[in-house]
């Protein structure tokens, strides 16, 4: 059960850190050594109405989770699982209507938003180090963009950031985060094929060149389209809808039907 997994995560949260080795780097760049399950489960605990476990989990995150880690992580995975969880949980806790019960203890003072701010700032080198506007797929949370960092990334990974970064910018009153995410979307959009209007699956963030000529709707591209529509619904930016609408039209025109 979810609650059992969260309890197990709480027991592990203060134990020894994960050491990055050649044998576990593929795990570490997703899990990140910041108790991913605990953070990623916060909103689920809220929605199912387990207020006591939710507040206990929030306390553990505030007391023990930090992102000053000498670890290389995937920008996309950290964004959707960790940054998104922190922002969503903060919004649920500060919602005056409290639709899932009284989630917010009297002592809460925006600590999760502060964590989200810190984490997002540690992801910015992926954008700042790119001359194309397309973010690199990985960063070191403490040191920034790793030397000789691999620049191959997928369209979904580089273009599924605007929801979390956009909400964070608006909560903080700082346009930097949303600006970088929108710059990435526009960079990808401007590289679509001149004939079909389709986007490729994999791209070199350093050169802005597609790697191969595959397009599609599955992994590697799916959430790029999803985020365009979500961003329009959330922020009302008509440009997002225009991109989504055109992409949808081209997909219907050129994708092979089974």
Protein backbone atom coordinates (compact mmCIF):
# COMPACT_ATOMS: atom_id res chain seq x y z
CA UNK A 1 0.00 0.00 0.00
CA UNK A 2 1.04 3.59 -0.59
CA UNK A 3 1.07 4.48 3.11
CA UNK A 4 3.41 1.56 3.85
CA UNK A 5 5.77 2.69 1.12
CA UNK A 6 5.77 6.24 2.47
CA UNK A 7 6.45 4.99 5.98
CA UNK A 8 9.37 3.00 4.64
CA UNK A 9 10.65 6.08 2.85
CA UNK A 10 10.44 8.07 6.07
CA UNK A 11 12.60 5.50 7.84
CA UNK A 12 15.22 5.75 5.10
CA UNK A 13 15.21 9.50 4.69
CA UNK A 14 17.95 10.22 7.22
CA UNK A 15 20.16 7.22 6.53
CA UNK A 16 23.47 7.23 4.72
CA UNK A 17 23.59 8.88 1.28
CA UNK A 18 23.81 6.95 -1.96
CA UNK A 19 27.29 6.83 -3.44
CA UNK A 20 27.44 7.36 -7.18
CA UNK A 21 29.29 4.58 -8.97
CA UNK A 22 29.41 3.32 -12.53
CA UNK A 23 27.08 0.51 -11.49
CA UNK A 24 24.29 2.68 -10.07
CA UNK A 25 24.46 5.99 -11.95
CA UNK A 26 21.46 5.02 -14.09
CA UNK A 27 19.42 4.66 -10.90
CA UNK A 28 20.92 7.64 -9.13
CA UNK A 29 20.18 10.12 -11.93
CA UNK A 30 16.47 9.44 -11.42
CA UNK A 31 16.26 8.77 -7.68
CA UNK A 32 18.70 11.58 -6.90
CA UNK A 33 19.39 10.60 -3.27
CA UNK A 34 16.62 12.86 -1.94
CA UNK A 35 13.98 10.25 -1.00
CA UNK A 36 12.00 10.43 -4.22
CA UNK A 37 9.12 8.18 -3.13
CA UNK A 38 8.40 10.31 -0.07
CA UNK A 39 8.30 13.55 -2.06
CA UNK A 40 6.45 12.10 -5.03
CA UNK A 41 3.73 10.63 -2.79
CA UNK A 42 2.78 13.83 -0.98
CA UNK A 43 -0.09 14.84 -3.24
CA UNK A 44 -1.47 11.29 -3.36
CA UNK A 45 -1.64 11.22 0.43
CA UNK A 46 -3.50 14.52 0.28
CA UNK A 47 -6.01 13.39 -2.34
CA UNK A 48 -6.87 10.13 -0.53
CA UNK A 49 -7.55 12.19 2.58
CA UNK A 50 -4.97 10.68 4.92
CA UNK A 51 -4.31 13.95 6.73
CA UNK A 52 -2.16 12.56 9.55
CA UNK A 53 0.17 10.65 7.22
CA UNK A 54 0.26 13.61 4.87
CA UNK A 55 1.30 16.07 7.56
CA UNK A 56 3.85 13.61 8.92
CA UNK A 57 5.32 13.15 5.44
CA UNK A 58 5.47 16.92 4.90
CA UNK A 59 7.31 17.29 8.20
CA UNK A 60 9.85 14.66 7.15
CA UNK A 61 10.42 16.36 3.80
CA UNK A 62 10.94 19.76 5.42
CA UNK A 63 13.29 18.40 8.07
CA UNK A 64 15.38 16.02 6.00
CA UNK A 65 15.17 16.64 2.24
CA UNK A 66 17.70 18.98 0.69
CA UNK A 67 19.08 19.30 -2.80
CA UNK A 68 22.66 20.30 -2.07
CA UNK A 69 23.83 16.98 -3.49
CA UNK A 70 26.87 16.24 -5.61
CA UNK A 71 24.67 14.15 -7.89
CA UNK A 72 23.90 14.27 -11.58
CA UNK A 73 20.15 14.07 -12.18
CA UNK A 74 17.75 14.13 -15.11
CA UNK A 75 16.14 17.54 -15.47
CA UNK A 76 12.89 16.13 -16.84
CA UNK A 77 12.44 13.49 -14.13
CA UNK A 78 13.28 15.90 -11.32
CA UNK A 79 10.88 18.46 -12.76
CA UNK A 80 7.82 16.25 -13.08
CA UNK A 81 8.35 14.15 -9.94
CA UNK A 82 10.03 16.40 -7.40
CA UNK A 83 9.51 20.02 -8.40
CA UNK A 84 5.93 19.30 -9.41
CA UNK A 85 5.22 17.47 -6.15
CA UNK A 86 6.62 20.27 -4.00
CA UNK A 87 4.69 22.98 -5.83
CA UNK A 88 1.44 21.00 -5.91
CA UNK A 89 1.67 20.15 -2.23
CA UNK A 90 2.35 23.77 -1.34
CA UNK A 91 -0.72 24.83 -3.33
CA UNK A 92 -2.90 22.20 -1.65
CA UNK A 93 -1.71 23.28 1.79
CA UNK A 94 -2.34 26.96 1.14
CA UNK A 95 -5.70 26.53 -0.63
CA UNK A 96 -8.25 28.39 1.53
CA UNK A 97 -10.98 25.93 0.52
CA UNK A 98 -9.01 22.84 1.68
CA UNK A 99 -11.00 20.38 -0.51
CA UNK A 100 -9.23 17.29 0.90
CA UNK A 101 -9.49 18.14 4.59
CA UNK A 102 -7.46 20.44 6.78
CA UNK A 103 -4.05 19.64 5.31
CA UNK A 104 -2.17 22.69 6.50
CA UNK A 105 -0.79 22.66 10.05
CA UNK A 106 -0.58 26.06 11.76
CA UNK A 107 3.21 26.02 11.65
CA UNK A 108 3.49 25.74 7.85
CA UNK A 109 5.20 28.82 6.43
CA UNK A 110 5.87 28.01 2.78
CA UNK A 111 8.81 25.68 3.41
CA UNK A 112 7.92 23.45 0.44
CA UNK A 113 7.85 26.45 -1.88
CA UNK A 114 11.31 27.40 -0.61
CA UNK A 115 12.53 23.88 -1.39
CA UNK A 116 10.98 24.09 -4.87
CA UNK A 117 12.69 27.44 -5.46
CA UNK A 118 16.05 26.00 -4.42
CA UNK A 119 15.62 22.93 -6.61
CA UNK A 120 14.55 24.88 -9.70
CA UNK A 121 17.54 27.18 -9.31
CA UNK A 122 19.80 24.12 -9.33
CA UNK A 123 18.23 23.03 -12.64
CA UNK A 124 18.79 26.37 -14.36
CA UNK A 125 22.37 25.57 -15.51
CA UNK A 126 20.82 23.10 -17.97
CA UNK A 127 19.27 26.12 -19.69
CA UNK A 128 22.00 28.68 -19.06
CA UNK A 129 24.65 26.45 -20.63
CA UNK A 130 22.69 26.01 -23.87
CA UNK A 131 23.19 28.36 -26.79
CA UNK A 132 20.12 26.95 -28.57
CA UNK A 133 17.65 27.47 -25.74
CA UNK A 134 17.09 23.71 -25.52
CA UNK A 135 18.10 22.52 -22.03
CA UNK A 136 20.71 19.85 -21.50
CA UNK A 137 19.19 16.64 -20.14
CA UNK A 138 21.24 16.42 -16.94
CA UNK A 139 22.76 18.69 -14.31
CA UNK A 140 24.77 18.24 -11.15
CA UNK A 141 22.63 19.60 -8.34
CA UNK A 142 25.64 21.13 -6.62
CA UNK A 143 28.05 21.95 -9.43
CA UNK A 144 25.77 22.78 -12.35
CA UNK A 145 26.28 21.55 -15.91
CA UNK A 146 28.81 18.70 -15.88
CA UNK A 147 31.91 19.13 -18.06
CA UNK A 148 31.52 17.44 -21.43
CA UNK A 149 27.86 16.86 -20.63
CA UNK A 150 25.91 14.70 -23.07
CA UNK A 151 23.67 16.94 -25.15
CA UNK A 152 21.34 14.34 -26.66
CA UNK A 153 17.82 14.84 -25.34
CA UNK A 154 14.27 14.03 -26.36
CA UNK A 155 11.62 16.57 -27.28
CA UNK A 156 9.43 15.60 -24.35
CA UNK A 157 12.31 15.92 -21.91
CA UNK A 158 13.26 19.39 -23.12
CA UNK A 159 9.73 20.64 -23.75
CA UNK A 160 7.76 19.43 -20.71
CA UNK A 161 8.82 22.02 -18.16
CA UNK A 162 6.56 25.02 -18.63
CA UNK A 163 3.78 23.96 -16.26
CA UNK A 164 5.98 23.54 -13.19
CA UNK A 165 8.35 26.36 -14.06
CA UNK A 166 5.42 28.61 -14.96
CA UNK A 167 3.57 28.04 -11.71
CA UNK A 168 6.78 28.55 -9.74
CA UNK A 169 7.50 31.84 -11.50
CA UNK A 170 4.03 33.11 -10.71
CA UNK A 171 4.20 32.04 -7.07
CA UNK A 172 7.58 33.72 -6.64
CA UNK A 173 6.90 36.75 -8.82
CA UNK A 174 10.07 35.87 -10.75
CA UNK A 175 9.68 35.36 -14.52
CA UNK A 176 13.07 33.69 -14.99
CA UNK A 177 11.92 30.09 -14.61
CA UNK A 178 8.91 30.32 -16.89
CA UNK A 179 10.99 32.31 -19.36
CA UNK A 180 13.55 29.54 -19.74
CA UNK A 181 10.86 26.89 -20.17
CA UNK A 182 9.02 28.91 -22.82
CA UNK A 183 12.29 29.63 -24.60
CA UNK A 184 12.89 25.87 -24.80
CA UNK A 185 9.42 25.23 -26.22
CA UNK A 186 9.84 27.91 -28.86
CA UNK A 187 13.29 26.64 -29.81
CA UNK A 188 11.91 23.14 -30.38
CA UNK A 189 8.85 24.45 -32.20
CA UNK A 190 10.94 26.55 -34.58
CA UNK A 191 12.91 23.44 -35.58
CA UNK A 192 9.89 21.46 -36.79
CA UNK A 193 10.10 20.02 -40.29
CA UNK A 194 9.50 22.54 -43.06
CA UNK A 195 7.44 20.08 -45.11
CA UNK A 196 5.35 18.18 -42.58
CA UNK A 197 5.43 20.52 -39.60
CA UNK A 198 6.27 17.55 -37.37
CA UNK A 199 8.85 17.58 -34.60
CA UNK A 200 11.54 14.96 -34.25
CA UNK A 201 11.94 12.60 -31.31
CA UNK A 202 15.57 13.23 -30.37
CA UNK A 203 17.66 16.39 -30.65
CA UNK A 204 21.14 17.66 -29.86
CA UNK A 205 20.69 20.49 -27.36
CA UNK A 206 24.10 21.89 -28.27
CA UNK A 207 23.65 22.15 -32.04
CA UNK A 208 19.86 22.21 -32.35
CA UNK A 209 19.97 19.39 -34.90
CA UNK A 210 17.58 16.46 -34.92
CA UNK A 211 19.18 13.06 -34.34
CA UNK A 212 17.40 10.80 -36.78
CA UNK A 213 14.15 11.46 -38.60
CA UNK A 214 11.61 9.76 -36.35
CA UNK A 215 8.49 11.50 -35.13
CA UNK A 216 5.49 10.16 -33.28
CA UNK A 217 3.15 10.38 -30.31
CA UNK A 218 4.84 7.99 -27.91
CA UNK A 219 7.70 8.21 -25.46
CA UNK A 220 10.09 10.99 -26.34
CA UNK A 221 7.39 13.29 -27.71
CA UNK A 222 4.11 12.68 -25.90
CA UNK A 223 4.28 15.13 -23.01
CA UNK A 224 5.51 18.00 -25.21
CA UNK A 225 2.05 18.15 -26.79
CA UNK A 226 0.37 17.50 -23.44
CA UNK A 227 2.17 20.41 -21.81
CA UNK A 228 1.25 22.84 -24.58
CA UNK A 229 -2.43 22.25 -23.93
CA UNK A 230 -2.06 22.16 -20.15
CA UNK A 231 -0.10 25.39 -20.24
CA UNK A 232 -2.82 27.09 -22.26
CA UNK A 233 -5.53 25.90 -19.88
CA UNK A 234 -3.52 26.95 -16.84
CA UNK A 235 -2.06 30.26 -17.96
CA UNK A 236 -4.27 31.33 -20.86
CA UNK A 237 -1.30 31.99 -23.15
CA UNK A 238 -2.84 31.81 -26.62
CA UNK A 239 0.51 30.99 -28.25
CA UNK A 240 0.49 27.64 -26.42
CA UNK A 241 -2.89 26.78 -27.91
CA UNK A 242 -1.80 27.85 -31.39
CA UNK A 243 1.21 25.52 -31.21
CA UNK A 244 -0.90 22.65 -29.87
CA UNK A 245 -3.61 23.15 -32.49
CA UNK A 246 -1.14 23.21 -35.37
CA UNK A 247 0.73 20.17 -34.04
CA UNK A 248 -2.56 18.29 -33.65
CA UNK A 249 -3.52 19.11 -37.23
CA UNK A 250 -0.17 17.95 -38.63
CA UNK A 251 -0.26 14.75 -36.61
CA UNK A 252 -3.70 13.89 -38.01
CA UNK A 253 -2.48 14.67 -41.51
CA UNK A 254 0.82 12.82 -41.55
CA UNK A 255 0.80 10.09 -38.90
CA UNK A 256 0.05 6.64 -40.26
CA UNK A 257 -3.23 5.18 -39.05
CA UNK A 258 -3.37 1.57 -37.92
